[in-house]
């Protein structure tokens, strides 16, 4: 994994852990539902941010290598990307 992306991804997971613990406390305390939903949506955005980082790393490393290899490796890379975006459904 690319060092900078790894560092940012680990930081993002730490933030996510804190956000999830916060949501659990809100549920336990029976906070206002809309406030919990707001926090849940924030977690979803954080997960999307993490996914972007992981996708960037995958494209810069594995996919680049697989495309350079060509043939079956290239087709595998295309299939993985389609699957990652749920475009592989038939």
C-alpha atoms as a PDB file:
ATOM      1  CA  UNK A   1       0.000   0.000   0.000  1.00  0.00           C
ATOM      2  CA  UNK A   2       1.228   3.500  -0.787  1.00  0.00           C
ATOM      3  CA  UNK A   3       2.531   5.009   2.472  1.00  0.00           C
ATOM      4  CA  UNK A   4       0.592   8.281   2.295  1.00  0.00           C
ATOM      5  CA  UNK A   5      -2.666   6.517   1.452  1.00  0.00           C
ATOM      6  CA  UNK A   6      -2.097   3.970   4.205  1.00  0.00           C
ATOM      7  CA  UNK A   7      -1.558   6.750   6.742  1.00  0.00           C
ATOM      8  CA  UNK A   8      -4.703   8.588   5.622  1.00  0.00           C
ATOM      9  CA  UNK A   9      -6.772   5.368   5.548  1.00  0.00           C
ATOM     10  CA  UNK A  10      -5.720   4.443   9.080  1.00  0.00           C
ATOM     11  CA  UNK A  11      -6.558   7.960  10.253  1.00  0.00           C
ATOM     12  CA  UNK A  12      -9.977   7.662   8.600  1.00  0.00           C
ATOM     13  CA  UNK A  13     -10.631   4.320  10.355  1.00  0.00           C
ATOM     14  CA  UNK A  14      -9.791   5.912  13.712  1.00  0.00           C
ATOM     15  CA  UNK A  15     -12.310   8.656  13.016  1.00  0.00           C
ATOM     16  CA  UNK A  16     -14.898   6.062  12.007  1.00  0.00           C
ATOM     17  CA  UNK A  17     -14.352   4.107  15.220  1.00  0.00           C
ATOM     18  CA  UNK A  18     -15.025   7.225  17.250  1.00  0.00           C
ATOM     19  CA  UNK A  19     -18.082   8.108  15.211  1.00  0.00           C
ATOM     20  CA  UNK A  20     -19.556   4.637  15.665  1.00  0.00           C
ATOM     21  CA  UNK A  21     -18.927   4.675  19.402  1.00  0.00           C
ATOM     22  CA  UNK A  22     -20.662   8.044  19.516  1.00  0.00           C
ATOM     23  CA  UNK A  23     -23.692   6.686  17.689  1.00  0.00           C
ATOM     24  CA  UNK A  24     -23.876   3.738  20.086  1.00  0.00           C
ATOM     25  CA  UNK A  25     -23.873   6.165  23.026  1.00  0.00           C
ATOM     26  CA  UNK A  26     -26.591   8.231  21.371  1.00  0.00           C
ATOM     27  CA  UNK A  27     -28.750   5.134  20.922  1.00  0.00           C
ATOM     28  CA  UNK A  28     -28.096   4.008  24.483  1.00  0.00           C
ATOM     29  CA  UNK A  29     -29.061   7.474  25.748  1.00  0.00           C
ATOM     30  CA  UNK A  30     -32.127   7.463  23.502  1.00  0.00           C
ATOM     31  CA  UNK A  31     -31.114  10.709  21.830  1.00  0.00           C
ATOM     32  CA  UNK A  32     -33.375  12.350  19.281  1.00  0.00           C
ATOM     33  CA  UNK A  33     -33.685  10.069  16.240  1.00  0.00           C
ATOM     34  CA  UNK A  34     -32.879  12.802  13.734  1.00  0.00           C
ATOM     35  CA  UNK A  35     -29.641  13.568  15.577  1.00  0.00           C
ATOM     36  CA  UNK A  36     -28.674   9.886  15.413  1.00  0.00           C
ATOM     37  CA  UNK A  37     -29.530   9.780  11.706  1.00  0.00           C
ATOM     38  CA  UNK A  38     -27.385  12.872  11.130  1.00  0.00           C
ATOM     39  CA  UNK A  39     -24.446  11.129  12.775  1.00  0.00           C
ATOM     40  CA  UNK A  40     -25.131   7.917  10.868  1.00  0.00           C
ATOM     41  CA  UNK A  41     -25.036   9.850   7.594  1.00  0.00           C
ATOM     42  CA  UNK A  42     -21.710  11.357   8.672  1.00  0.00           C
ATOM     43  CA  UNK A  43     -20.366   7.813   9.132  1.00  0.00           C
ATOM     44  CA  UNK A  44     -21.566   6.917   5.644  1.00  0.00           C
ATOM     45  CA  UNK A  45     -19.695   9.908   4.214  1.00  0.00           C
ATOM     46  CA  UNK A  46     -16.594   8.893   6.170  1.00  0.00           C
ATOM     47  CA  UNK A  47     -16.848   5.368   4.763  1.00  0.00           C
ATOM     48  CA  UNK A  48     -17.111   6.795   1.262  1.00  0.00           C
ATOM     49  CA  UNK A  49     -13.981   8.820   1.942  1.00  0.00           C
ATOM     50  CA  UNK A  50     -12.195   5.654   3.069  1.00  0.00           C
ATOM     51  CA  UNK A  51     -13.425   3.817  -0.028  1.00  0.00           C
ATOM     52  CA  UNK A  52     -12.045   6.574  -2.259  1.00  0.00           C
ATOM     53  CA  UNK A  53      -8.638   6.227  -0.608  1.00  0.00           C
ATOM     54  CA  UNK A  54      -8.663   2.445  -0.988  1.00  0.00           C
ATOM     55  CA  UNK A  55      -9.790   2.702  -4.597  1.00  0.00           C
ATOM     56  CA  UNK A  56      -7.059   5.230  -5.345  1.00  0.00           C
ATOM     57  CA  UNK A  57      -4.465   2.879  -3.887  1.00  0.00           C
ATOM     58  CA  UNK A  58      -5.863  -0.055  -5.845  1.00  0.00           C
ATOM     59  CA  UNK A  59      -5.820   1.904  -9.098  1.00  0.00           C
ATOM     60  CA  UNK A  60      -2.292   3.227  -8.561  1.00  0.00           C
ATOM     61  CA  UNK A  61      -0.866  -0.169  -7.626  1.00  0.00           C
ATOM     62  CA  UNK A  62      -2.728  -3.349  -8.484  1.00  0.00           C
ATOM     63  CA  UNK A  63      -4.820  -2.148 -11.428  1.00  0.00           C
ATOM     64  CA  UNK A  64      -1.850  -0.406 -13.034  1.00  0.00           C
ATOM     65  CA  UNK A  65       0.161  -3.619 -12.781  1.00  0.00           C
ATOM     66  CA  UNK A  66      -2.720  -5.762 -14.039  1.00  0.00           C
ATOM     67  CA  UNK A  67      -3.272  -3.520 -17.072  1.00  0.00           C
ATOM     68  CA  UNK A  68       0.438  -3.641 -17.865  1.00  0.00           C
ATOM     69  CA  UNK A  69       0.259  -7.455 -17.793  1.00  0.00           C
ATOM     70  CA  UNK A  70      -2.649  -7.408 -20.238  1.00  0.00           C
ATOM     71  CA  UNK A  71      -4.782 -10.399 -21.219  1.00  0.00           C
ATOM     72  CA  UNK A  72      -6.530 -12.203 -18.379  1.00  0.00           C
ATOM     73  CA  UNK A  73      -4.972  -9.914 -15.768  1.00  0.00           C
ATOM     74  CA  UNK A  74      -6.476  -6.883 -17.467  1.00  0.00           C
ATOM     75  CA  UNK A  75      -9.891  -8.554 -17.653  1.00  0.00           C
ATOM     76  CA  UNK A  76      -9.668  -9.434 -13.956  1.00  0.00           C
ATOM     77  CA  UNK A  77      -8.955  -5.792 -13.129  1.00  0.00           C
ATOM     78  CA  UNK A  78     -11.937  -4.634 -15.176  1.00  0.00           C
ATOM     79  CA  UNK A  79     -14.156  -7.211 -13.454  1.00  0.00           C
ATOM     80  CA  UNK A  80     -12.985  -6.090 -10.018  1.00  0.00           C
ATOM     81  CA  UNK A  81     -13.755  -2.465 -10.775  1.00  0.00           C
ATOM     82  CA  UNK A  82     -17.186  -3.302 -12.116  1.00  0.00           C
ATOM     83  CA  UNK A  83     -17.871  -5.357  -9.004  1.00  0.00           C
ATOM     84  CA  UNK A  84     -16.643  -2.557  -6.721  1.00  0.00           C
ATOM     85  CA  UNK A  85     -19.264  -0.252  -8.196  1.00  0.00           C
ATOM     86  CA  UNK A  86     -21.998  -2.900  -8.432  1.00  0.00           C
ATOM     87  CA  UNK A  87     -21.929  -2.675 -12.216  1.00  0.00           C
ATOM     88  CA  UNK A  88     -21.327  -6.418 -12.590  1.00  0.00           C
ATOM     89  CA  UNK A  89     -24.943  -7.374 -11.971  1.00  0.00           C
ATOM     90  CA  UNK A  90     -26.662  -9.092 -14.822  1.00  0.00           C
END
